[in-house]
Protein backbone atom coordinates (compact mmCIF):
# COMPACT_ATOMS: atom_id res chain seq x y z
CA MET A 1 100.98 132.19 98.58
CA ALA A 2 104.73 132.87 98.44
CA VAL A 3 105.46 136.01 96.46
CA LYS A 4 108.85 136.58 94.83
CA ILE A 5 110.44 139.62 93.20
CA ARG A 6 112.52 138.31 90.32
CA LEU A 7 113.79 138.97 86.81
CA LYS A 8 111.82 138.05 83.71
CA ARG A 9 114.02 137.77 80.63
CA ILE A 10 112.87 139.32 77.39
CA GLY A 11 114.81 140.42 74.33
CA LYS A 12 116.60 138.78 71.46
CA LYS A 13 119.10 135.99 71.49
CA LYS A 14 122.42 137.18 73.00
CA LEU A 15 120.85 140.59 73.82
CA PRO A 16 119.17 140.08 77.17
CA PHE A 17 116.81 142.60 78.69
CA TYR A 18 115.04 141.96 81.97
CA ARG A 19 111.88 143.16 83.66
CA ILE A 20 111.72 143.16 87.44
CA VAL A 21 108.39 141.54 88.26
CA VAL A 22 106.44 140.43 91.31
CA SER A 23 105.03 136.94 90.87
CA ASP A 24 103.81 133.91 92.74
CA SER A 25 106.68 131.47 93.28
CA LYS A 26 104.60 128.64 91.76
CA PHE A 27 104.48 130.29 88.33
CA PRO A 28 107.35 129.77 85.86
CA VAL A 29 109.93 132.55 85.47
CA ALA A 30 108.71 133.53 82.01
CA GLY A 31 105.07 132.99 82.97
CA ARG A 32 102.38 135.01 84.67
CA PHE A 33 103.23 137.82 87.03
CA ILE A 34 101.33 140.09 89.39
CA GLU A 35 103.02 143.43 88.71
CA GLU A 36 106.01 144.89 86.87
CA ILE A 37 108.08 147.21 89.04
CA GLY A 38 111.14 147.96 86.91
CA THR A 39 113.64 147.06 84.20
CA TYR A 40 117.29 145.99 84.06
CA ASP A 41 119.51 146.31 80.98
CA PRO A 42 122.94 144.64 81.29
CA ASN A 43 123.92 145.54 77.69
CA THR A 44 124.79 149.16 78.42
CA ASP A 45 128.02 150.26 80.04
CA PRO A 46 127.44 150.62 82.97
CA SER A 47 124.30 148.50 83.18
CA THR A 48 121.12 150.47 83.74
CA CYS A 49 118.26 149.65 86.04
CA ARG A 50 115.03 151.53 86.58
CA VAL A 51 112.95 150.63 89.62
CA ASN A 52 109.71 152.15 90.86
CA GLU A 53 110.76 152.65 94.48
CA GLU A 54 107.24 153.07 95.85
CA LEU A 55 106.05 149.76 94.40
CA ALA A 56 109.22 147.94 95.46
CA LYS A 57 108.92 149.17 99.05
CA LYS A 58 105.21 148.30 99.10
CA TRP A 59 105.86 144.71 98.00
CA LEU A 60 108.81 144.29 100.39
CA ALA A 61 106.62 145.55 103.25
CA ASN A 62 103.93 143.04 102.26
CA GLY A 63 106.42 140.16 102.55
CA ALA A 64 107.64 139.59 98.99
CA GLN A 65 111.08 137.96 98.88
CA PRO A 66 113.58 139.28 96.29
CA THR A 67 115.97 136.89 94.57
CA ASN A 68 119.72 137.35 95.01
CA VAL A 69 120.16 139.32 91.78
CA VAL A 70 117.17 141.56 92.46
CA ASN A 71 118.47 142.13 95.97
CA LYS A 72 121.76 143.44 94.50
CA ILE A 73 119.86 145.69 92.09
CA PHE A 74 117.81 147.09 94.99
CA LYS A 75 120.99 147.80 96.97
CA GLN A 76 122.47 149.70 94.00
CA ALA A 77 119.25 151.69 93.67
CA GLY A 78 119.25 152.44 97.41
CA ILE A 79 115.96 150.68 98.13
CA LYS A 80 117.12 148.03 100.56
């Protein structure tokens, strides 16, 4: 089972809001997920992101692979 940390888009049309979720790579992006570990809001200036560091580090230690965008968010938050 390949586990990914990726963004799940929610919100209205032209007002995106994302949840950072841990999910199996076989599930669709807007589909099932294992756990929610944070949020990302690009609408604010500057964009805000909230990440539960303990959960993120736990999943990274267990072998979950973050996507490119989530990797950048983790670097800004000082996780990776």
